[in-house]
Amino acid sequence: IPELDLCLEGKGYYEGSSILLSGSSGSDKTTFAGAFAKNVCENKLKCLFCSYEESETEILRNFASVGMDLHPFVKNGLLKIVCIRPTQYG
């Protein structure tokens, strides 16, 4: 995300960091996280993507709808998507 890179002085985030995005519904948190995941995988690094609302199928479909096909990264093991619904545990 070029604009974010400018805000981070071209240095990005620290390798091995856990990044948490928060915001109201519809603020593009998932799409933003998808851009991070795509970039990590394109650089041949592994990425763990955690979702608390959508299934893996929904996430991959929604990313594809905005031009981010992450299926190949899931298939080759660079991207692991973990989906847990909070209601599942009470």
C-alpha atoms as a PDB file:
ATOM      1  CA  ILE A   1       0.000   0.000   0.000  1.00  0.00           C
ATOM      2  CA  PRO A   2       2.088   2.918  -1.277  1.00  0.00           C
ATOM      3  CA  GLU A   3       0.384   5.602   0.857  1.00  0.00           C
ATOM      4  CA  LEU A   4       0.938   3.577   4.022  1.00  0.00           C
ATOM      5  CA  ASP A   5       4.576   3.031   3.081  1.00  0.00           C
ATOM      6  CA  LEU A   6       4.970   6.815   2.951  1.00  0.00           C
ATOM      7  CA  CYS A   7       3.460   7.160   6.440  1.00  0.00           C
ATOM      8  CA  LEU A   8       5.915   4.558   7.740  1.00  0.00           C
ATOM      9  CA  GLU A   9       8.835   6.417   6.123  1.00  0.00           C
ATOM     10  CA  GLY A  10       9.361   3.563   3.667  1.00  0.00           C
ATOM     11  CA  LYS A  11      10.387   1.232   6.490  1.00  0.00           C
ATOM     12  CA  GLY A  12       7.184  -0.770   6.884  1.00  0.00           C
ATOM     13  CA  TYR A  13       6.460  -2.712  10.040  1.00  0.00           C
ATOM     14  CA  TYR A  14       8.954  -4.769  12.004  1.00  0.00           C
ATOM     15  CA  GLU A  15       9.480  -8.289  10.717  1.00  0.00           C
ATOM     16  CA  GLY A  16       7.719 -10.815  12.926  1.00  0.00           C
ATOM     17  CA  SER A  17       5.252  -8.230  14.237  1.00  0.00           C
ATOM     18  CA  SER A  18       1.650  -9.016  15.013  1.00  0.00           C
ATOM     19  CA  ILE A  19      -0.518  -6.426  13.304  1.00  0.00           C
ATOM     20  CA  LEU A  20      -4.009  -5.706  14.651  1.00  0.00           C
ATOM     21  CA  LEU A  21      -6.442  -3.646  12.590  1.00  0.00           C
ATOM     22  CA  SER A  22      -9.484  -2.190  14.269  1.00  0.00           C
ATOM     23  CA  GLY A  23     -12.295   0.004  13.041  1.00  0.00           C
ATOM     24  CA  SER A  24     -15.989   0.140  12.403  1.00  0.00           C
ATOM     25  CA  SER A  25     -17.843  -2.142  10.053  1.00  0.00           C
ATOM     26  CA  GLY A  26     -17.175  -1.337   6.397  1.00  0.00           C
ATOM     27  CA  SER A  27     -13.909   0.533   6.992  1.00  0.00           C
ATOM     28  CA  ASP A  28     -12.006  -1.958   4.762  1.00  0.00           C
ATOM     29  CA  LYS A  29     -10.052  -3.659   7.554  1.00  0.00           C
ATOM     30  CA  THR A  30     -10.238  -7.031   5.809  1.00  0.00           C
ATOM     31  CA  THR A  31      -9.193  -5.618   2.428  1.00  0.00           C
ATOM     32  CA  PHE A  32      -6.356  -3.733   4.098  1.00  0.00           C
ATOM     33  CA  ALA A  33      -5.197  -6.929   5.829  1.00  0.00           C
ATOM     34  CA  GLY A  34      -5.473  -8.775   2.515  1.00  0.00           C
ATOM     35  CA  ALA A  35      -3.066  -6.300   0.926  1.00  0.00           C
ATOM     36  CA  PHE A  36      -0.560  -7.012   3.700  1.00  0.00           C
ATOM     37  CA  ALA A  37      -1.001 -10.767   3.320  1.00  0.00           C
ATOM     38  CA  LYS A  38      -0.627 -10.594  -0.467  1.00  0.00           C
ATOM     39  CA  ASN A  39       2.593  -8.604  -0.222  1.00  0.00           C
ATOM     40  CA  VAL A  40       4.073 -10.939   2.380  1.00  0.00           C
ATOM     41  CA  CYS A  41       3.280 -13.995   0.251  1.00  0.00           C
ATOM     42  CA  GLU A  42       4.571 -12.362  -2.935  1.00  0.00           C
ATOM     43  CA  ASN A  43       7.879 -11.988  -1.111  1.00  0.00           C
ATOM     44  CA  LYS A  44       7.880 -15.768  -0.476  1.00  0.00           C
ATOM     45  CA  LEU A  45       7.254 -15.348   3.256  1.00  0.00           C
ATOM     46  CA  LYS A  46       4.627 -17.141   5.318  1.00  0.00           C
ATOM     47  CA  CYS A  47       1.573 -15.301   6.587  1.00  0.00           C
ATOM     48  CA  LEU A  48      -1.086 -16.198   9.159  1.00  0.00           C
ATOM     49  CA  PHE A  49      -4.427 -14.477   8.565  1.00  0.00           C
ATOM     50  CA  CYS A  50      -6.945 -14.659  11.432  1.00  0.00           C
ATOM     51  CA  SER A  51     -10.601 -13.870  10.897  1.00  0.00           C
ATOM     52  CA  TYR A  52     -13.308 -13.650  13.524  1.00  0.00           C
ATOM     53  CA  GLU A  53     -16.340 -13.021  11.329  1.00  0.00           C
ATOM     54  CA  GLU A  54     -15.943 -14.541   7.869  1.00  0.00           C
ATOM     55  CA  SER A  55     -15.109 -18.036   6.670  1.00  0.00           C
ATOM     56  CA  GLU A  56     -12.051 -18.777   4.535  1.00  0.00           C
ATOM     57  CA  THR A  57     -14.292 -19.183   1.485  1.00  0.00           C
ATOM     58  CA  GLU A  58     -15.889 -15.775   2.066  1.00  0.00           C
ATOM     59  CA  ILE A  59     -12.532 -14.108   2.631  1.00  0.00           C
ATOM     60  CA  LEU A  60     -10.973 -15.520  -0.530  1.00  0.00           C
ATOM     61  CA  ARG A  61     -14.080 -14.670  -2.577  1.00  0.00           C
ATOM     62  CA  ASN A  62     -14.147 -11.101  -1.278  1.00  0.00           C
ATOM     63  CA  PHE A  63     -10.443 -10.588  -1.951  1.00  0.00           C
ATOM     64  CA  ALA A  64     -10.877 -11.900  -5.493  1.00  0.00           C
ATOM     65  CA  SER A  65     -13.722  -9.411  -6.023  1.00  0.00           C
ATOM     66  CA  VAL A  66     -11.273  -6.529  -5.467  1.00  0.00           C
ATOM     67  CA  GLY A  67      -8.515  -8.027  -7.617  1.00  0.00           C
ATOM     68  CA  MET A  68      -6.548  -9.956  -4.983  1.00  0.00           C
ATOM     69  CA  ASP A  69      -6.387 -13.661  -5.827  1.00  0.00           C
ATOM     70  CA  LEU A  70      -4.894 -15.259  -2.726  1.00  0.00           C
ATOM     71  CA  HIS A  71      -5.875 -18.840  -3.630  1.00  0.00           C
ATOM     72  CA  PRO A  72      -2.391 -19.714  -4.974  1.00  0.00           C
ATOM     73  CA  PHE A  73      -0.772 -18.653  -1.703  1.00  0.00           C
ATOM     74  CA  VAL A  74      -3.136 -20.850   0.305  1.00  0.00           C
ATOM     75  CA  LYS A  75      -2.442 -23.768  -2.032  1.00  0.00           C
ATOM     76  CA  ASN A  76       1.340 -23.446  -1.816  1.00  0.00           C
ATOM     77  CA  GLY A  77       1.309 -23.065   1.969  1.00  0.00           C
ATOM     78  CA  LEU A  78       2.498 -19.467   2.222  1.00  0.00           C
ATOM     79  CA  LEU A  79      -0.882 -18.253   3.500  1.00  0.00           C
ATOM     80  CA  LYS A  80      -2.755 -19.903   6.346  1.00  0.00           C
ATOM     81  CA  ILE A  81      -6.237 -18.575   7.082  1.00  0.00           C
ATOM     82  CA  VAL A  82      -7.683 -19.342  10.516  1.00  0.00           C
ATOM     83  CA  CYS A  83     -11.360 -18.543  11.047  1.00  0.00           C
ATOM     84  CA  ILE A  84     -12.877 -18.596  14.509  1.00  0.00           C
ATOM     85  CA  ARG A  85     -16.301 -17.218  15.341  1.00  0.00           C
ATOM     86  CA  PRO A  86     -16.456 -15.700  18.856  1.00  0.00           C
ATOM     87  CA  THR A  87     -19.957 -17.106  19.325  1.00  0.00           C
ATOM     88  CA  GLN A  88     -18.514 -20.596  18.924  1.00  0.00           C
ATOM     89  CA  TYR A  89     -17.056 -20.308  22.427  1.00  0.00           C
ATOM     90  CA  GLY A  90     -19.899 -18.453  24.122  1.00  0.00           C
END
